[in-house]
Amino acid sequence: MKIGAFAKKFGVSVDTVRYYIELELLLPDKKASAQYEFTPSCVDDMAFINEMKQYHFTLQEIRQMLLLKRIADFTVAEDVNRYYLRWMDEKKQQLKREKEELENSLRRLENKLLALQDEPRSEAEIGVPYSFLPLLYCPSCRIPLQIRNACLQGKYMLSAHLSCCCSYRAEIRNGILLTSTKRNARSTYAYGYDHDRFKLISSAFIGLTEKGNLWMARRLISESAKHRLIVEANADVYAVLPRYISSLPPETMYVFCGTSSELLIRLQKRLTQSHENLQALYIVNGDWQLPLAPATVDLIVDSFSFNDFSLENRLFPLLPMLPYLKPDARVLGQYLYYQPPAASLSWIRHLFPQAHERTYYPEYLNENFFRIGMELSECEPLGCTKDPGSYLRYHVPNEKLHLLAYLATSSHS
């Protein structure tokens, strides 16, 4: 019997049969033509293998049993049966122990689920901390915003109307600051801890971005004393800061920006529950012209926000934020790029005709930081992937998508 017919007889693949031969579970004859010929003994051995697998014997255990079976042709059958009985009894005891362990694990899991379902959930106060009120400025006039119809609770402002004499209007609702330039959330995006999003991202891309997260975290933590006010844009798509807030000074202030109020509310609730005294402001905004006081921001965290912003705008994303930066402010981030003449670069221009002409190019950051008087004081290529997943719909299969981690500082500092 040839290998194909043998595999079909037992309902397994040819690769499985070859693997069994490699493990010496099967010992077919090998002809001069290098083809295997499966004897009646192989048929008996395969039937024995399938039976033992039903009893949860491992392939290595089955191999030992087959060795004894083959030796038994020259010894007393009763002795072999005693070995089989011993092995069977040991396997029975092992399976009973595993069954008890599984039942115990199942009971613990059920108790944990019940505890989580019955656990009282205290509604934490959610709003704009009072420490941010002196920082609320008109993005056009650079003067403090007027606050009307404010609703206060504890140490937070829950709602209010913000205005300027130039007709600028904004609103605090449910503790979220809504600007007049907010846009609808992009329907294909979801906040970073949303499980549905994981289905669209490859494990290779997740591993690559984790390298970037750790690179950024080391610099965040080592220089945390320099960062009094940190801004992370695009926080409704992907946010790095929430993972490392526990390692940063408690007096640090945070601004999280995004285009989706729904997703920012989710982020706000999550952080409020895990960090009771967190000083954080959540702004729904689409053009990065924020209602913040000039020269107050110490650090911009770019969690792929420059990539994302540049798909929708021909403007370098840091330009609208320059008025908010202190003279020694920094930008810490990670950036995706392709090496020309990658077809993905052309596909980006096709899908996003309004995109910055140099976005996703290797020199994009260098060129644009130089124009505004900043430089890449640190940059490290962290690797690449050919399969980031369908979430990045502009990616052409089998092309290399590179990740660069960087720190930008003033060229005069």
Protein backbone atom coordinates (compact mmCIF):
# COMPACT_ATOMS: atom_id res chain seq x y z
CA MET A 1 0.00 0.00 0.00
CA LYS A 2 1.36 3.42 -1.03
CA ILE A 3 1.49 6.38 1.37
CA GLY A 4 -1.50 8.19 -0.17
CA ALA A 5 -3.79 5.17 0.09
CA PHE A 6 -2.52 4.48 3.62
CA ALA A 7 -3.26 8.05 4.76
CA LYS A 8 -6.73 7.93 3.17
CA LYS A 9 -7.52 4.62 4.86
CA PHE A 10 -6.99 6.18 8.29
CA GLY A 11 -8.36 9.63 7.52
CA VAL A 12 -5.11 11.51 8.12
CA SER A 13 -2.85 13.67 5.97
CA VAL A 14 0.24 12.43 4.18
CA ASP A 15 2.28 14.88 6.30
CA THR A 16 0.96 13.19 9.46
CA VAL A 17 2.05 9.78 8.16
CA ARG A 18 5.50 11.16 7.33
CA TYR A 19 5.73 12.63 10.84
CA TYR A 20 4.85 9.26 12.38
CA ILE A 21 7.58 7.65 10.26
CA GLU A 22 10.05 10.28 11.51
CA LEU A 23 9.12 9.44 15.12
CA GLU A 24 9.50 5.70 14.29
CA LEU A 25 5.88 5.06 15.14
CA LEU A 26 5.51 3.54 11.67
CA LEU A 27 8.19 1.43 9.98
CA PRO A 28 7.20 0.97 6.32
CA ASP A 29 9.43 -0.69 3.76
CA LYS A 30 11.38 1.70 1.56
CA LYS A 31 11.69 0.68 -2.08
CA ALA A 32 14.55 1.47 -4.43
CA SER A 33 12.36 4.21 -5.92
CA ALA A 34 12.42 5.94 -2.49
CA GLN A 35 8.68 5.29 -2.12
CA TYR A 36 7.25 3.81 1.06
CA GLU A 37 5.37 0.53 1.01
CA PHE A 38 3.04 0.06 3.98
CA THR A 39 2.79 -3.54 5.17
CA PRO A 40 -0.01 -5.20 7.21
CA SER A 41 2.22 -4.57 10.26
CA CYS A 42 2.01 -0.81 9.54
CA VAL A 43 -1.77 -1.10 9.36
CA ASP A 44 -1.82 -2.78 12.78
CA ASP A 45 0.52 -0.14 14.21
CA MET A 46 -1.59 2.71 12.85
CA ALA A 47 -4.75 1.22 14.32
CA PHE A 48 -2.92 0.87 17.64
CA ILE A 49 -1.75 4.51 17.47
CA ASN A 50 -5.29 5.77 16.84
CA GLU A 51 -6.68 3.70 19.69
CA MET A 52 -4.05 4.91 22.18
CA LYS A 53 -4.57 8.54 21.14
CA GLN A 54 -8.24 8.13 22.15
CA TYR A 55 -6.98 7.32 25.65
CA HIS A 56 -4.87 10.53 25.62
CA PHE A 57 -1.51 8.80 25.40
CA THR A 58 1.16 11.09 23.97
CA LEU A 59 3.03 10.14 20.81
CA GLN A 60 6.19 9.55 22.85
CA GLU A 61 4.28 7.25 25.21
CA ILE A 62 2.80 5.40 22.22
CA ARG A 63 6.30 5.06 20.77
CA GLN A 64 7.48 3.29 23.94
CA MET A 65 4.49 0.98 23.79
CA LEU A 66 5.16 0.15 20.13
CA LEU A 67 8.79 -0.63 20.91
CA LEU A 68 7.61 -3.14 23.49
CA LYS A 69 5.03 -4.50 21.06
CA ARG A 70 7.71 -5.11 18.46
CA ILE A 71 9.99 -6.81 20.98
CA ALA A 72 7.06 -8.96 22.09
CA ASP A 73 7.25 -10.98 18.88
CA PHE A 74 10.23 -12.68 20.51
CA THR A 75 9.05 -12.81 24.15
CA VAL A 76 6.14 -14.04 26.22
CA ALA A 77 2.84 -12.24 25.38
CA GLU A 78 1.65 -12.37 29.00
CA ASP A 79 4.62 -10.21 30.08
CA VAL A 80 3.75 -7.61 27.46
CA ASN A 81 0.12 -7.53 28.60
CA ARG A 82 1.27 -6.79 32.13
CA TYR A 83 3.16 -3.76 30.79
CA TYR A 84 0.07 -2.60 28.92
CA LEU A 85 -2.09 -3.00 32.01
CA ARG A 86 0.39 -0.93 34.05
CA TRP A 87 0.50 1.81 31.42
CA MET A 88 -3.27 1.86 31.13
CA ASP A 89 -3.72 2.09 34.89
CA GLU A 90 -1.16 4.93 35.17
CA LYS A 91 -2.89 6.82 32.35
CA LYS A 92 -6.25 6.31 34.06
CA GLN A 93 -4.90 7.79 37.31
CA GLN A 94 -3.30 10.68 35.43
CA LEU A 95 -6.56 11.49 33.61
CA LYS A 96 -8.48 11.37 36.90
CA ARG A 97 -6.04 13.89 38.41
CA GLU A 98 -6.35 16.12 35.37
CA LYS A 99 -10.12 15.87 35.53
CA GLU A 100 -10.10 16.96 39.19
CA GLU A 101 -7.78 19.87 38.36
CA LEU A 102 -10.02 20.96 35.49
CA GLU A 103 -13.13 20.73 37.70
CA ASN A 104 -11.40 22.83 40.38
CA SER A 105 -10.34 25.39 37.79
CA LEU A 106 -13.86 25.49 36.41
CA ARG A 107 -15.33 26.09 39.88
CA ARG A 108 -12.81 28.88 40.58
CA LEU A 109 -13.61 30.46 37.22
CA GLU A 110 -17.36 30.30 37.87
CA ASN A 111 -16.88 31.89 41.31
CA LYS A 112 -14.73 34.63 39.81
CA LEU A 113 -17.36 35.36 37.14
CA LEU A 114 -20.06 35.58 39.80
CA ALA A 115 -17.91 37.88 41.92
CA LEU A 116 -17.25 40.17 38.98
CA GLN A 117 -20.92 40.29 38.06
CA ASP A 118 -22.03 41.01 41.64
CA GLU A 119 -19.20 43.41 42.48
CA PRO A 120 -20.63 46.83 43.33
CA ARG A 121 -19.34 49.40 40.87
CA SER A 122 -18.93 52.78 42.44
CA GLU A 123 -19.45 55.62 40.00
CA ALA A 124 -16.32 57.73 40.23
CA GLU A 125 -16.55 61.45 39.78
CA ILE A 126 -15.77 62.33 36.18
CA GLY A 127 -15.11 65.80 34.87
CA VAL A 128 -12.56 68.47 34.07
CA PRO A 129 -10.24 68.96 37.08
CA TYR A 130 -10.14 72.53 38.39
CA SER A 131 -6.37 72.60 37.75
CA PHE A 132 -7.13 72.85 34.02
CA LEU A 133 -9.47 75.84 34.23
CA PRO A 134 -6.67 78.47 34.13
CA LEU A 135 -5.32 76.74 31.00
CA LEU A 136 -8.50 77.02 28.91
CA TYR A 137 -7.71 79.64 26.25
CA CYS A 138 -9.14 80.63 22.89
CA PRO A 139 -6.99 78.96 20.17
CA SER A 140 -7.33 82.05 17.94
CA CYS A 141 -7.02 85.01 20.33
CA ARG A 142 -4.78 83.32 22.93
CA ILE A 143 -6.83 84.76 25.78
CA PRO A 144 -8.72 82.95 28.61
CA LEU A 145 -12.09 81.56 27.66
CA GLN A 146 -15.20 82.78 29.42
CA ILE A 147 -16.96 80.03 31.38
CA ARG A 148 -20.75 80.11 31.75
CA ASN A 149 -23.47 77.77 33.05
CA ALA A 150 -20.94 75.65 34.88
CA CYS A 151 -22.01 72.56 36.81
CA LEU A 152 -19.53 71.67 39.55
CA GLN A 153 -19.22 68.54 41.64
CA GLY A 154 -16.46 67.88 44.14
CA LYS A 155 -13.18 68.76 42.45
CA TYR A 156 -14.52 68.61 38.88
CA MET A 157 -16.40 70.72 36.38
CA LEU A 158 -18.95 68.38 34.82
CA SER A 159 -20.43 70.75 32.24
CA ALA A 160 -20.10 74.34 31.05
CA HIS A 161 -20.23 76.62 28.02
CA LEU A 162 -16.93 78.15 26.91
CA SER A 163 -16.72 81.18 24.65
CA CYS A 164 -14.52 84.02 23.41
CA CYS A 165 -15.36 87.49 22.08
CA CYS A 166 -14.12 86.35 18.65
CA SER A 167 -17.16 83.96 18.43
CA TYR A 168 -15.14 80.85 19.31
CA ARG A 169 -17.37 78.34 21.13
CA ALA A 170 -16.70 75.11 23.00
CA GLU A 171 -18.56 73.02 25.56
CA ILE A 172 -17.84 70.73 28.47
CA ARG A 173 -20.34 67.89 28.50
CA ASN A 174 -20.09 64.78 30.70
CA GLY A 175 -16.62 65.93 31.64
CA ILE A 176 -15.43 65.94 27.99
CA LEU A 177 -14.38 69.18 26.28
CA LEU A 178 -16.08 69.38 22.87
CA THR A 179 -14.64 71.91 20.42
CA SER A 180 -16.39 73.38 17.42
CA THR A 181 -13.85 71.70 15.14
CA LYS A 182 -14.64 68.15 16.20
CA ARG A 183 -15.26 65.65 13.44
CA ASN A 184 -17.14 62.39 13.36
CA ALA A 185 -15.11 59.41 14.49
CA ARG A 186 -13.62 57.30 11.73
CA SER A 187 -15.83 54.25 11.60
CA THR A 188 -12.94 51.84 10.92
CA TYR A 189 -11.09 52.88 14.06
CA ALA A 190 -11.57 51.86 17.65
CA TYR A 191 -9.77 52.65 20.87
CA GLY A 192 -6.68 50.53 21.50
CA TYR A 193 -8.10 48.13 24.08
CA ASP A 194 -11.16 47.26 21.94
CA HIS A 195 -11.05 43.50 21.31
CA ASP A 196 -12.75 43.71 17.91
CA ARG A 197 -9.79 45.68 16.64
CA PHE A 198 -7.36 42.88 17.49
CA LYS A 199 -8.93 40.71 14.78
CA LEU A 200 -7.72 43.19 12.15
CA ILE A 201 -4.14 43.50 13.43
CA SER A 202 -1.48 40.83 12.95
CA SER A 203 0.54 39.45 15.85
CA ALA A 204 3.70 40.61 14.05
CA PHE A 205 2.47 44.21 14.03
CA ILE A 206 1.44 44.02 17.70
CA GLY A 207 4.91 42.73 18.60
CA LEU A 208 6.55 45.50 16.58
CA THR A 209 4.49 48.27 18.19
CA GLU A 210 5.21 46.85 21.63
CA LYS A 211 8.90 47.45 20.95
CA GLY A 212 8.00 51.07 20.23
CA ASN A 213 5.90 51.33 23.39
CA LEU A 214 8.73 50.06 25.56
CA TRP A 215 11.23 52.38 23.87
CA MET A 216 8.95 55.35 24.61
CA ALA A 217 8.23 54.17 28.15
CA ARG A 218 11.92 54.11 29.08
CA ARG A 219 12.31 57.74 28.05
CA LEU A 220 9.03 58.80 29.61
CA ILE A 221 9.98 57.35 32.98
CA SER A 222 13.66 58.34 32.97
CA GLU A 223 12.84 62.02 32.25
CA SER A 224 9.47 62.21 33.97
CA ALA A 225 10.44 65.21 36.11
CA LYS A 226 10.70 67.36 32.96
CA HIS A 227 7.12 66.70 31.90
CA ARG A 228 4.58 68.78 33.78
CA LEU A 229 1.93 68.76 31.04
CA ILE A 230 1.79 65.96 28.45
CA VAL A 231 -0.47 65.90 25.39
CA GLU A 232 -1.32 62.69 23.53
CA ALA A 233 -3.32 63.21 20.36
CA ASN A 234 -5.21 60.47 18.51
CA ALA A 235 -5.98 58.86 21.87
CA ASP A 236 -9.27 57.46 20.57
CA VAL A 237 -7.34 55.35 18.05
CA TYR A 238 -4.24 54.31 19.95
CA ALA A 239 -2.84 55.55 23.26
CA VAL A 240 0.48 54.77 24.95
CA LEU A 241 0.30 56.94 28.08
CA PRO A 242 -2.44 55.03 29.99
CA ARG A 243 -0.13 52.04 30.43
CA TYR A 244 2.60 54.05 32.15
CA ILE A 245 0.74 56.66 34.21
CA SER A 246 1.42 54.66 37.40
CA SER A 247 5.16 55.12 36.83
CA LEU A 248 4.95 58.90 36.32
CA PRO A 249 4.78 61.60 39.04
CA PRO A 250 1.26 62.08 40.51
CA GLU A 251 1.37 65.84 39.81
CA THR A 252 1.74 65.27 36.04
CA MET A 253 -1.14 66.66 33.98
CA TYR A 254 -2.42 64.96 30.83
CA VAL A 255 -4.40 66.05 27.79
CA PHE A 256 -5.91 63.31 25.61
CA CYS A 257 -7.27 64.37 22.20
CA GLY A 258 -9.34 62.53 19.62
CA THR A 259 -12.21 62.91 17.19
CA SER A 260 -14.67 60.56 18.91
CA SER A 261 -16.42 61.66 22.10
CA GLU A 262 -17.74 58.12 22.63
CA LEU A 263 -14.28 56.57 22.60
CA LEU A 264 -12.76 59.33 24.72
CA ILE A 265 -15.51 58.80 27.31
CA ARG A 266 -14.54 55.14 27.45
CA LEU A 267 -10.91 56.10 27.97
CA GLN A 268 -11.91 58.65 30.62
CA LYS A 269 -13.94 56.11 32.61
CA ARG A 270 -11.19 53.55 32.44
CA LEU A 271 -8.51 55.93 33.67
CA THR A 272 -10.72 57.52 36.34
CA GLN A 273 -11.46 54.10 37.85
CA SER A 274 -7.80 53.06 37.94
CA HIS A 275 -6.30 56.46 38.91
CA GLU A 276 -8.53 58.25 41.38
CA ASN A 277 -6.67 61.58 41.50
CA LEU A 278 -5.56 61.71 37.87
CA GLN A 279 -5.36 65.21 36.42
CA ALA A 280 -6.54 64.66 32.86
CA LEU A 281 -8.42 66.68 30.26
CA TYR A 282 -10.15 64.94 27.34
CA ILE A 283 -10.68 67.05 24.22
CA VAL A 284 -12.74 66.12 21.17
CA ASN A 285 -11.00 67.96 18.36
CA GLY A 286 -10.23 67.44 14.68
CA ASP A 287 -7.64 70.04 13.68
CA TRP A 288 -5.30 70.05 16.72
CA GLN A 289 -6.00 73.73 17.40
CA LEU A 290 -6.70 73.18 21.07
CA PRO A 291 -8.32 75.50 23.64
CA LEU A 292 -5.14 75.57 25.72
CA ALA A 293 -2.96 78.40 27.00
CA PRO A 294 0.18 79.19 24.97
CA ALA A 295 3.57 77.78 26.01
CA THR A 296 2.24 75.28 28.55
CA VAL A 297 2.99 71.88 27.00
CA ASP A 298 6.20 70.07 27.95
CA LEU A 299 5.79 66.92 25.89
CA ILE A 300 3.80 65.71 22.88
CA VAL A 301 3.35 61.94 22.70
CA ASP A 302 2.98 60.76 19.11
CA SER A 303 1.40 57.30 19.21
CA PHE A 304 1.14 57.03 15.41
CA SER A 305 -0.83 60.28 15.53
CA PHE A 306 1.45 62.00 13.01
CA ASN A 307 0.90 59.13 10.57
CA ASP A 308 -2.85 59.26 11.07
CA PHE A 309 -3.21 63.06 10.98
CA SER A 310 -1.15 63.27 7.79
CA LEU A 311 -3.50 60.89 5.99
CA GLU A 312 -6.23 63.50 6.34
CA ASN A 313 -4.21 66.74 6.14
CA ARG A 314 -1.47 68.21 3.96
CA LEU A 315 -0.25 70.09 7.02
CA PHE A 316 2.54 68.76 9.24
CA PRO A 317 0.61 67.86 12.43
CA LEU A 318 2.91 69.69 14.82
CA LEU A 319 2.36 73.06 13.14
CA PRO A 320 -1.10 73.68 14.74
CA MET A 321 0.36 72.74 18.13
CA LEU A 322 3.46 74.95 18.05
CA PRO A 323 1.84 77.81 20.03
CA TYR A 324 1.22 75.47 22.97
CA LEU A 325 4.81 74.22 23.26
CA LYS A 326 7.30 75.52 25.79
CA PRO A 327 10.70 76.54 24.30
CA ASP A 328 12.27 73.29 25.52
CA ALA A 329 9.27 71.06 24.71
CA ARG A 330 9.84 67.64 23.20
CA VAL A 331 8.03 65.21 20.95
CA LEU A 332 8.29 61.50 21.76
CA GLY A 333 6.80 59.07 19.31
CA GLN A 334 6.79 56.21 16.87
CA TYR A 335 6.38 56.57 13.13
CA LEU A 336 5.55 54.12 10.32
CA TYR A 337 7.17 54.38 6.91
CA TYR A 338 7.88 52.59 3.63
CA GLN A 339 11.04 52.71 1.56
CA PRO A 340 10.40 54.18 -1.90
CA PRO A 341 9.31 53.08 -4.43
CA ALA A 342 6.94 50.93 -2.36
CA ALA A 343 3.55 50.46 -3.99
CA SER A 344 1.94 51.15 -0.60
CA LEU A 345 3.02 54.80 -0.91
CA SER A 346 1.10 55.10 -4.17
CA TRP A 347 -1.87 53.31 -2.64
CA ILE A 348 -1.90 55.80 0.25
CA ARG A 349 -2.13 58.68 -2.24
CA HIS A 350 -4.97 56.86 -4.03
CA LEU A 351 -6.98 56.17 -0.85
CA PHE A 352 -6.20 59.53 0.77
CA PRO A 353 -5.88 62.20 -1.95
CA GLN A 354 -5.87 64.87 0.78
CA ALA A 355 -2.85 63.32 2.56
CA HIS A 356 0.48 65.06 3.09
CA GLU A 357 2.61 64.34 0.02
CA ARG A 358 5.51 62.97 2.08
CA THR A 359 3.65 61.03 4.75
CA TYR A 360 4.97 57.48 5.30
CA TYR A 361 8.26 58.42 3.63
CA PRO A 362 11.48 57.80 5.62
CA GLU A 363 12.53 61.47 5.64
CA TYR A 364 9.11 62.90 6.49
CA LEU A 365 9.94 63.59 10.15
CA ASN A 366 13.44 64.94 9.53
CA GLU A 367 12.29 67.32 6.82
CA ASN A 368 9.36 68.75 8.75
CA PHE A 369 10.96 69.01 12.18
CA PHE A 370 13.86 70.89 10.58
CA ARG A 371 11.45 73.45 9.09
CA ILE A 372 10.08 74.33 12.54
CA GLY A 373 13.42 74.51 14.33
CA MET A 374 13.46 71.02 15.84
CA GLU A 375 15.60 67.97 15.23
CA LEU A 376 15.54 64.23 15.85
CA SER A 377 17.94 63.99 18.78
CA GLU A 378 17.21 60.28 19.05
CA CYS A 379 15.80 57.85 16.51
CA GLU A 380 15.96 54.08 16.35
CA PRO A 381 14.62 51.77 13.62
CA LEU A 382 12.85 48.99 15.51
CA GLY A 383 12.17 46.60 12.67
CA CYS A 384 9.54 45.92 10.05
CA THR A 385 6.70 43.59 9.12
CA LYS A 386 5.28 42.45 5.81
CA ASP A 387 1.89 41.66 7.32
CA PRO A 388 0.48 44.32 9.67
CA GLY A 389 -3.08 43.06 9.20
CA SER A 390 -6.12 44.36 7.35
CA TYR A 391 -6.54 47.25 9.80
CA LEU A 392 -3.95 49.18 7.76
CA ARG A 393 -5.92 49.03 4.52
CA TYR A 394 -3.31 50.93 2.53
CA HIS A 395 -0.69 48.21 3.01
CA VAL A 396 0.27 46.20 -0.09
CA PRO A 397 0.95 42.54 0.81
CA ASN A 398 4.58 41.45 1.20
CA GLU A 399 5.93 45.00 1.34
CA LYS A 400 7.98 46.00 4.37
CA LEU A 401 6.31 48.44 6.78
CA HIS A 402 9.03 49.93 9.01
CA LEU A 403 8.74 51.35 12.53
CA LEU A 404 10.90 54.20 13.81
CA ALA A 405 10.95 55.37 17.45
CA TYR A 406 12.13 58.93 17.96
CA LEU A 407 12.63 61.87 20.29
CA ALA A 408 12.52 65.38 18.78
CA THR A 409 13.89 68.42 20.62
CA SER A 410 14.48 72.05 19.85
CA SER A 411 17.56 72.52 17.65
CA HIS A 412 18.49 75.53 19.82
CA SER A 413 18.39 73.71 23.17
